[in-house]
Protein backbone atom coordinates (compact mmCIF):
# COMPACT_ATOMS: atom_id res chain seq x y z
CA MET A 1 -6.78 -20.72 31.92
CA LYS A 2 -4.64 -21.24 34.92
CA GLY A 3 -1.37 -19.60 35.67
CA LYS A 4 -0.01 -16.46 34.17
CA PRO A 5 -2.38 -14.55 31.83
CA MET A 6 -1.15 -14.27 28.26
CA MET A 7 -0.19 -10.83 27.05
CA PRO A 8 -1.13 -9.80 23.51
CA GLN A 9 1.69 -9.92 21.00
CA HIS A 10 2.26 -6.73 19.05
CA ALA A 11 3.68 -6.70 15.57
CA PRO A 12 5.76 -3.73 14.45
CA ALA A 13 3.67 -1.14 12.64
CA ALA A 14 3.86 -1.47 8.88
CA ARG A 15 4.89 1.63 6.97
CA ILE A 16 1.89 2.04 4.70
CA CYS A 17 2.06 4.58 1.89
CA ARG A 18 0.24 7.79 2.86
CA ASP A 19 -0.81 8.53 -0.72
CA CYS A 20 -2.54 5.23 -1.56
CA ASP A 21 -3.19 3.78 1.95
CA GLY A 22 -1.61 0.49 0.88
CA PHE A 23 -3.76 0.03 -2.24
CA ALA A 24 -0.82 0.49 -4.58
CA ALA A 25 -2.36 -0.43 -7.92
CA VAL A 26 -5.80 0.12 -9.40
CA VAL A 27 -7.41 -1.14 -12.59
CA ILE A 28 -9.43 1.34 -14.61
CA THR A 29 -11.84 0.30 -17.35
CA THR A 30 -11.68 2.45 -20.48
CA GLY A 31 -15.22 1.72 -21.64
CA SER A 32 -14.01 -0.13 -24.74
CA ARG A 33 -14.19 -3.88 -25.29
CA HIS A 34 -11.85 -6.39 -26.89
CA ALA A 35 -13.02 -8.54 -29.81
CA ASP A 36 -13.83 -11.38 -27.39
CA GLY A 37 -16.10 -9.11 -25.31
CA THR A 38 -13.82 -8.50 -22.34
CA ARG A 39 -13.23 -4.95 -21.17
CA VAL A 40 -10.10 -2.97 -21.98
CA THR A 41 -8.39 -2.01 -18.72
CA LEU A 42 -5.44 0.07 -17.61
CA THR A 43 -3.40 -0.78 -14.51
CA VAL A 44 -2.10 2.31 -12.73
CA SER A 45 0.45 2.18 -9.91
CA CYS A 46 0.82 4.71 -7.11
CA PRO A 47 3.51 7.23 -8.11
CA ALA A 48 4.64 7.77 -4.51
CA CYS A 49 5.43 4.14 -3.60
CA HIS A 50 5.85 2.82 -7.18
CA GLY A 51 3.21 0.14 -6.67
CA THR A 52 4.59 -1.46 -3.51
CA GLY A 53 2.06 -0.07 -1.01
CA ASN A 54 4.85 0.56 1.50
CA ALA A 55 6.38 3.88 2.39
CA PRO A 56 10.12 4.27 2.71
CA ALA A 57 11.47 4.84 6.22
CA ALA A 58 11.23 8.44 7.31
CA ARG A 59 14.43 10.38 7.13
CA PHE A 60 15.37 12.77 9.85
CA ALA A 61 16.39 16.21 8.74
CA HIS A 62 19.38 17.76 10.48
CA VAL A 63 18.39 21.28 11.50
CA GLY A 64 20.79 23.74 13.03
CA ARG A 65 24.25 22.85 14.15
């Protein structure tokens, strides 16, 4: 490459939920099976981010005067 070297482009850091690390929903098998043979599953969402995988923006606390 001739000329000016290209600088890497940086994307803004995503706010990933600290509780689920971005894996907001999981599927848990109950061990039972439906009549057609498929497994019974439960989908559980992260209670901290409500299944979005993103954390809300941090709020600054006003301390002192």
